[in-house]
PDB file of all heavy atoms in Angstrom:
ATOM      1  N   PRO A   1     121.317  60.919  83.086  1.00  0.00           N
ATOM      2  CA  PRO A   1     121.787  61.872  82.063  1.00  0.00           C
ATOM      3  C   PRO A   1     120.737  62.881  81.636  1.00  0.00           C
ATOM      4  O   PRO A   1     121.058  63.912  81.037  1.00  0.00           O
ATOM      5  CB  PRO A   1     122.130  60.984  80.904  1.00  0.00           C
ATOM      6  CG  PRO A   1     122.473  59.723  81.581  1.00  0.00           C
ATOM      7  CD  PRO A   1     121.552  59.569  82.626  1.00  0.00           C
ATOM      8  N   THR A   2     119.479  62.614  81.874  1.00  0.00           N
ATOM      9  CA  THR A   2     118.378  63.579  81.485  1.00  0.00           C
ATOM     10  C   THR A   2     118.281  64.708  82.490  1.00  0.00           C
ATOM     11  O   THR A   2     117.617  65.816  82.155  1.00  0.00           O
ATOM     12  CB  THR A   2     116.996  62.840  81.476  1.00  0.00           C
ATOM     13  OG1 THR A   2     116.587  62.549  82.890  1.00  0.00           O
ATOM     14  CG2 THR A   2     117.043  61.585  80.603  1.00  0.00           C
ATOM     15  N   SER A   3     119.014  64.615  83.658  1.00  0.00           N
ATOM     16  CA  SER A   3     118.684  65.632  84.725  1.00  0.00           C
ATOM     17  C   SER A   3     119.298  66.970  84.381  1.00  0.00           C
ATOM     18  O   SER A   3     119.051  67.924  85.165  1.00  0.00           O
ATOM     19  CB  SER A   3     119.235  65.076  86.013  1.00  0.00           C
ATOM     20  OG  SER A   3     120.692  64.888  86.006  1.00  0.00           O
ATOM     21  N   ALA A   4     120.111  67.034  83.425  1.00  0.00           N
ATOM     22  CA  ALA A   4     120.714  68.407  83.077  1.00  0.00           C
ATOM     23  C   ALA A   4     120.834  68.504  81.522  1.00  0.00           C
ATOM     24  O   ALA A   4     121.049  67.483  80.826  1.00  0.00           O
ATOM     25  CB  ALA A   4     121.989  68.710  83.724  1.00  0.00           C
ATOM     26  N   TYR A   5     120.795  69.713  80.990  1.00  0.00           N
ATOM     27  CA  TYR A   5     120.930  70.012  79.605  1.00  0.00           C
ATOM     28  C   TYR A   5     119.862  69.555  78.712  1.00  0.00           C
ATOM     29  O   TYR A   5     120.029  69.262  77.498  1.00  0.00           O
ATOM     30  CB  TYR A   5     122.308  69.472  79.075  1.00  0.00           C
ATOM     31  CG  TYR A   5     123.475  69.867  79.974  1.00  0.00           C
ATOM     32  CD1 TYR A   5     124.166  68.910  80.711  1.00  0.00           C
ATOM     33  CD2 TYR A   5     123.762  71.208  80.191  1.00  0.00           C
ATOM     34  CE1 TYR A   5     125.129  69.319  81.616  1.00  0.00           C
ATOM     35  CE2 TYR A   5     124.844  71.616  81.060  1.00  0.00           C
ATOM     36  CZ  TYR A   5     125.500  70.606  81.803  1.00  0.00           C
ATOM     37  OH  TYR A   5     126.468  70.982  82.676  1.00  0.00           O
ATOM     38  N   GLY A   6     118.652  69.294  79.225  1.00  0.00           N
ATOM     39  CA  GLY A   6     117.481  68.945  78.526  1.00  0.00           C
ATOM     40  C   GLY A   6     117.125  67.528  78.421  1.00  0.00           C
ATOM     41  O   GLY A   6     118.088  66.716  78.222  1.00  0.00           O
ATOM     42  N   HIS A   7     115.842  67.190  78.438  1.00  0.00           N
ATOM     43  CA  HIS A   7     115.416  65.836  78.218  1.00  0.00           C
ATOM     44  C   HIS A   7     115.202  65.595  76.774  1.00  0.00           C
ATOM     45  O   HIS A   7     115.124  64.420  76.406  1.00  0.00           O
ATOM     46  CB  HIS A   7     114.041  65.588  78.979  1.00  0.00           C
ATOM     47  CG  HIS A   7     114.174  65.649  80.472  1.00  0.00           C
ATOM     48  ND1 HIS A   7     113.932  64.580  81.305  1.00  0.00           N
ATOM     49  CD2 HIS A   7     114.596  66.676  81.331  1.00  0.00           C
ATOM     50  CE1 HIS A   7     114.172  64.913  82.526  1.00  0.00           C
ATOM     51  NE2 HIS A   7     114.552  66.118  82.634  1.00  0.00           N
ATOM     52  N   PHE A   8     115.170  66.602  75.917  1.00  0.00           N
ATOM     53  CA  PHE A   8     114.824  66.338  74.513  1.00  0.00           C
ATOM     54  C   PHE A   8     115.912  67.030  73.648  1.00  0.00           C
ATOM     55  O   PHE A   8     116.703  67.929  74.098  1.00  0.00           O
ATOM     56  CB  PHE A   8     113.494  67.111  74.169  1.00  0.00           C
ATOM     57  CG  PHE A   8     112.402  66.516  75.088  1.00  0.00           C
ATOM     58  CD1 PHE A   8     111.573  67.523  75.814  1.00  0.00           C
ATOM     59  CD2 PHE A   8     112.111  65.241  75.251  1.00  0.00           C
ATOM     60  CE1 PHE A   8     110.598  67.097  76.580  1.00  0.00           C
ATOM     61  CE2 PHE A   8     111.181  64.775  76.135  1.00  0.00           C
ATOM     62  CZ  PHE A   8     110.361  65.638  76.753  1.00  0.00           C
ATOM     63  N   GLY A   9     116.008  66.534  72.422  1.00  0.00           N
ATOM     64  CA  GLY A   9     117.116  66.995  71.505  1.00  0.00           C
ATOM     65  C   GLY A   9     118.398  66.282  71.691  1.00  0.00           C
ATOM     66  O   GLY A   9     119.456  66.788  71.102  1.00  0.00           O
ATOM     67  N   ARG A  10     118.469  65.290  72.583  1.00  0.00           N
ATOM     68  CA  ARG A  10     119.715  64.533  72.770  1.00  0.00           C
ATOM     69  C   ARG A  10     119.818  63.350  71.783  1.00  0.00           C
ATOM     70  O   ARG A  10     118.831  62.863  71.254  1.00  0.00           O
ATOM     71  CB  ARG A  10     119.702  64.034  74.245  1.00  0.00           C
ATOM     72  CG  ARG A  10     119.355  65.120  75.303  1.00  0.00           C
ATOM     73  CD  ARG A  10     120.497  66.080  75.533  1.00  0.00           C
ATOM     74  NE  ARG A  10     121.520  65.437  76.315  1.00  0.00           N
ATOM     75  CZ  ARG A  10     121.575  65.388  77.643  1.00  0.00           C
ATOM     76  NH1 ARG A  10     120.555  65.926  78.389  1.00  0.00           N
ATOM     77  NH2 ARG A  10     122.610  64.796  78.215  1.00  0.00           N
ATOM     78  N   LYS A  11     120.943  62.769  71.672  1.00  0.00           N
ATOM     79  CA  LYS A  11     121.155  61.665  70.737  1.00  0.00           C
ATOM     80  C   LYS A  11     120.709  60.409  71.502  1.00  0.00           C
ATOM     81  O   LYS A  11     121.199  60.086  72.597  1.00  0.00           O
ATOM     82  CB  LYS A  11     122.592  61.541  70.330  1.00  0.00           C
ATOM     83  CG  LYS A  11     122.962  62.669  69.379  1.00  0.00           C
ATOM     84  CD  LYS A  11     124.442  62.532  68.854  1.00  0.00           C
ATOM     85  CE  LYS A  11     124.781  63.626  67.925  1.00  0.00           C
ATOM     86  NZ  LYS A  11     126.237  63.532  67.512  1.00  0.00           N
ATOM     87  N   PRO A  12     119.846  59.552  70.783  1.00  0.00           N
ATOM     88  CA  PRO A  12     119.573  58.257  71.422  1.00  0.00           C
ATOM     89  C   PRO A  12     120.782  57.387  71.387  1.00  0.00           C
ATOM     90  O   PRO A  12     121.541  57.342  70.369  1.00  0.00           O
ATOM     91  CB  PRO A  12     118.448  57.657  70.563  1.00  0.00           C
ATOM     92  CG  PRO A  12     118.596  58.470  69.112  1.00  0.00           C
ATOM     93  CD  PRO A  12     119.188  59.822  69.555  1.00  0.00           C
ATOM     94  N   LEU A  13     120.985  56.587  72.444  1.00  0.00           N
ATOM     95  CA  LEU A  13     122.170  55.756  72.676  1.00  0.00           C
ATOM     96  C   LEU A  13     121.822  54.342  72.635  1.00  0.00           C
ATOM     97  O   LEU A  13     120.658  53.896  72.975  1.00  0.00           O
ATOM     98  CB  LEU A  13     122.870  56.154  73.952  1.00  0.00           C
ATOM     99  CG  LEU A  13     123.211  57.530  74.131  1.00  0.00           C
ATOM    100  CD1 LEU A  13     123.895  57.800  75.583  1.00  0.00           C
ATOM    101  CD2 LEU A  13     124.246  58.003  73.071  1.00  0.00           C
ATOM    102  N   THR A  14     122.769  53.517  72.277  1.00  0.00           N
ATOM    103  CA  THR A  14     122.512  52.026  72.262  1.00  0.00           C
ATOM    104  C   THR A  14     122.290  51.482  73.673  1.00  0.00           C
ATOM    105  O   THR A  14     121.714  50.409  73.805  1.00  0.00           O
ATOM    106  CB  THR A  14     123.716  51.294  71.640  1.00  0.00           C
ATOM    107  OG1 THR A  14     124.914  51.699  72.297  1.00  0.00           O
ATOM    108  CG2 THR A  14     123.908  51.713  70.137  1.00  0.00           C
ATOM    109  N   THR A  15     122.621  52.296  74.703  1.00  0.00           N
ATOM    110  CA  THR A  15     122.426  51.826  76.047  1.00  0.00           C
ATOM    111  C   THR A  15     120.900  52.036  76.489  1.00  0.00           C
ATOM    112  O   THR A  15     120.542  51.628  77.547  1.00  0.00           O
ATOM    113  CB  THR A  15     123.259  52.679  76.948  1.00  0.00           C
ATOM    114  OG1 THR A  15     122.997  54.088  76.760  1.00  0.00           O
ATOM    115  CG2 THR A  15     124.680  52.341  76.832  1.00  0.00           C
ATOM    116  N   GLY A  16     120.126  52.700  75.549  1.00  0.00           N
ATOM    117  CA  GLY A  16     118.703  52.864  75.835  1.00  0.00           C
ATOM    118  C   GLY A  16     118.429  54.272  76.260  1.00  0.00           C
ATOM    119  O   GLY A  16     117.218  54.622  76.432  1.00  0.00           O
ATOM    120  N   HIS A  17     119.423  55.029  76.560  1.00  0.00           N
ATOM    121  CA  HIS A  17     119.162  56.427  76.965  1.00  0.00           C
ATOM    122  C   HIS A  17     118.615  57.236  75.779  1.00  0.00           C
ATOM    123  O   HIS A  17     119.016  57.084  74.624  1.00  0.00           O
ATOM    124  CB  HIS A  17     120.558  57.115  77.351  1.00  0.00           C
ATOM    125  CG  HIS A  17     121.102  56.457  78.634  1.00  0.00           C
ATOM    126  ND1 HIS A  17     121.959  55.373  78.540  1.00  0.00           N
ATOM    127  CD2 HIS A  17     121.127  56.910  79.866  1.00  0.00           C
ATOM    128  CE1 HIS A  17     122.318  55.046  79.741  1.00  0.00           C
ATOM    129  NE2 HIS A  17     121.805  55.948  80.594  1.00  0.00           N
ATOM    130  N   PHE A  18     117.677  58.103  76.166  1.00  0.00           N
ATOM    131  CA  PHE A  18     116.952  59.004  75.148  1.00  0.00           C
ATOM    132  C   PHE A  18     116.291  58.286  73.937  1.00  0.00           C
ATOM    133  O   PHE A  18     116.410  58.656  72.799  1.00  0.00           O
ATOM    134  CB  PHE A  18     117.967  60.063  74.615  1.00  0.00           C
ATOM    135  CG  PHE A  18     118.628  60.785  75.768  1.00  0.00           C
ATOM    136  CD1 PHE A  18     119.962  60.610  76.130  1.00  0.00           C
ATOM    137  CD2 PHE A  18     117.941  61.739  76.443  1.00  0.00           C
ATOM    138  CE1 PHE A  18     120.503  61.273  77.147  1.00  0.00           C
ATOM    139  CE2 PHE A  18     118.513  62.550  77.445  1.00  0.00           C
ATOM    140  CZ  PHE A  18     119.728  62.372  77.808  1.00  0.00           C
ATOM    141  N   SER A  19     115.719  57.112  74.252  1.00  0.00           N
ATOM    142  CA  SER A  19     115.070  56.324  73.259  1.00  0.00           C
ATOM    143  C   SER A  19     113.905  57.076  72.544  1.00  0.00           C
ATOM    144  O   SER A  19     113.557  56.786  71.394  1.00  0.00           O
ATOM    145  CB  SER A  19     114.492  55.019  73.838  1.00  0.00           C
ATOM    146  OG  SER A  19     113.608  55.334  74.946  1.00  0.00           O
ATOM    147  N   TRP A  20     113.332  58.069  73.253  1.00  0.00           N
ATOM    148  CA  TRP A  20     112.300  58.866  72.731  1.00  0.00           C
ATOM    149  C   TRP A  20     112.739  59.903  71.606  1.00  0.00           C
ATOM    150  O   TRP A  20     111.915  60.486  71.001  1.00  0.00           O
ATOM    151  CB  TRP A  20     111.505  59.677  73.813  1.00  0.00           C
ATOM    152  CG  TRP A  20     112.409  60.338  74.761  1.00  0.00           C
ATOM    153  CD1 TRP A  20     112.890  61.645  74.575  1.00  0.00           C
ATOM    154  CD2 TRP A  20     113.131  59.774  75.926  1.00  0.00           C
ATOM    155  NE1 TRP A  20     113.691  61.996  75.708  1.00  0.00           N
ATOM    156  CE2 TRP A  20     113.909  60.940  76.414  1.00  0.00           C
ATOM    157  CE3 TRP A  20     113.212  58.617  76.526  1.00  0.00           C
ATOM    158  CZ2 TRP A  20     114.699  60.628  77.621  1.00  0.00           C
ATOM    159  CZ3 TRP A  20     113.947  58.444  77.706  1.00  0.00           C
ATOM    160  CH2 TRP A  20     114.671  59.504  78.217  1.00  0.00           C
ATOM    161  N   GLU A  21     114.011  59.879  71.365  1.00  0.00           N
ATOM    162  CA  GLU A  21     114.615  60.745  70.224  1.00  0.00           C
ATOM    163  C   GLU A  21     114.740  59.951  69.000  1.00  0.00           C
ATOM    164  O   GLU A  21     115.261  60.570  67.992  1.00  0.00           O
ATOM    165  CB  GLU A  21     115.884  61.311  70.824  1.00  0.00           C
ATOM    166  CG  GLU A  21     115.785  62.357  71.872  1.00  0.00           C
ATOM    167  CD  GLU A  21     114.896  63.593  71.473  1.00  0.00           C
ATOM    168  OE1 GLU A  21     115.174  64.063  70.368  1.00  0.00           O
ATOM    169  OE2 GLU A  21     114.090  64.006  72.288  1.00  0.00           O
ATOM    170  N   LYS A  22     114.453  58.657  68.970  1.00  0.00           N
ATOM    171  CA  LYS A  22     114.529  57.899  67.844  1.00  0.00           C
ATOM    172  C   LYS A  22     113.475  58.352  66.809  1.00  0.00           C
ATOM    173  O   LYS A  22     112.439  58.803  67.162  1.00  0.00           O
ATOM    174  CB  LYS A  22     114.385  56.456  68.059  1.00  0.00           C
ATOM    175  CG  LYS A  22     115.545  55.742  68.929  1.00  0.00           C
ATOM    176  CD  LYS A  22     115.248  54.315  69.075  1.00  0.00           C
ATOM    177  CE  LYS A  22     116.348  53.626  69.811  1.00  0.00           C
ATOM    178  NZ  LYS A  22     116.072  52.156  70.129  1.00  0.00           N
ATOM    179  N   THR A  23     113.822  58.197  65.508  1.00  0.00           N
ATOM    180  CA  THR A  23     112.895  58.461  64.417  1.00  0.00           C
ATOM    181  C   THR A  23     112.511  57.239  63.707  1.00  0.00           C
ATOM    182  O   THR A  23     112.395  57.222  62.492  1.00  0.00           O
ATOM    183  CB  THR A  23     113.467  59.573  63.521  1.00  0.00           C
ATOM    184  OG1 THR A  23     114.666  59.152  63.041  1.00  0.00           O
ATOM    185  CG2 THR A  23     113.594  60.929  64.163  1.00  0.00           C
ATOM    186  N   ASP A  24     112.208  56.156  64.448  1.00  0.00           N
ATOM    187  CA  ASP A  24     111.987  54.874  63.812  1.00  0.00           C
ATOM    188  C   ASP A  24     110.499  54.672  63.411  1.00  0.00           C
ATOM    189  O   ASP A  24     110.063  53.592  62.957  1.00  0.00           O
ATOM    190  CB  ASP A  24     112.396  53.764  64.703  1.00  0.00           C
ATOM    191  CG  ASP A  24     111.869  53.858  66.140  1.00  0.00           C
ATOM    192  OD1 ASP A  24     111.082  54.731  66.492  1.00  0.00           O
ATOM    193  OD2 ASP A  24     112.244  52.996  67.009  1.00  0.00           O
ATOM    194  N   LEU A  25     109.597  55.697  63.581  1.00  0.00           N
ATOM    195  CA  LEU A  25     108.260  55.597  63.170  1.00  0.00           C
ATOM    196  C   LEU A  25     108.096  56.342  61.851  1.00  0.00           C
ATOM    197  O   LEU A  25     106.971  56.319  61.283  1.00  0.00           O
ATOM    198  CB  LEU A  25     107.314  56.296  64.136  1.00  0.00           C
ATOM    199  CG  LEU A  25     106.959  55.568  65.469  1.00  0.00           C
ATOM    200  CD1 LEU A  25     105.941  56.309  66.251  1.00  0.00           C
ATOM    201  CD2 LEU A  25     106.407  54.138  65.130  1.00  0.00           C
ATOM    202  N   VAL A  26     109.151  56.902  61.299  1.00  0.00           N
ATOM    203  CA  VAL A  26     108.962  57.629  60.048  1.00  0.00           C
ATOM    204  C   VAL A  26     108.399  56.910  58.869  1.00  0.00           C
ATOM    205  O   VAL A  26     107.462  57.250  58.216  1.00  0.00           O
ATOM    206  CB  VAL A  26     110.285  58.331  59.676  1.00  0.00           C
ATOM    207  CG1 VAL A  26     110.303  58.956  58.242  1.00  0.00           C
ATOM    208  CG2 VAL A  26     110.702  59.390  60.632  1.00  0.00           C
TER     209      VAL A  26
END
């Protein structure tokens, strides 16, 4: 799913996709 429409700015999913978009360090 990262291969098109950007690797960043996507919604993190419970499946583990786009985990780097989480804001759990705030």
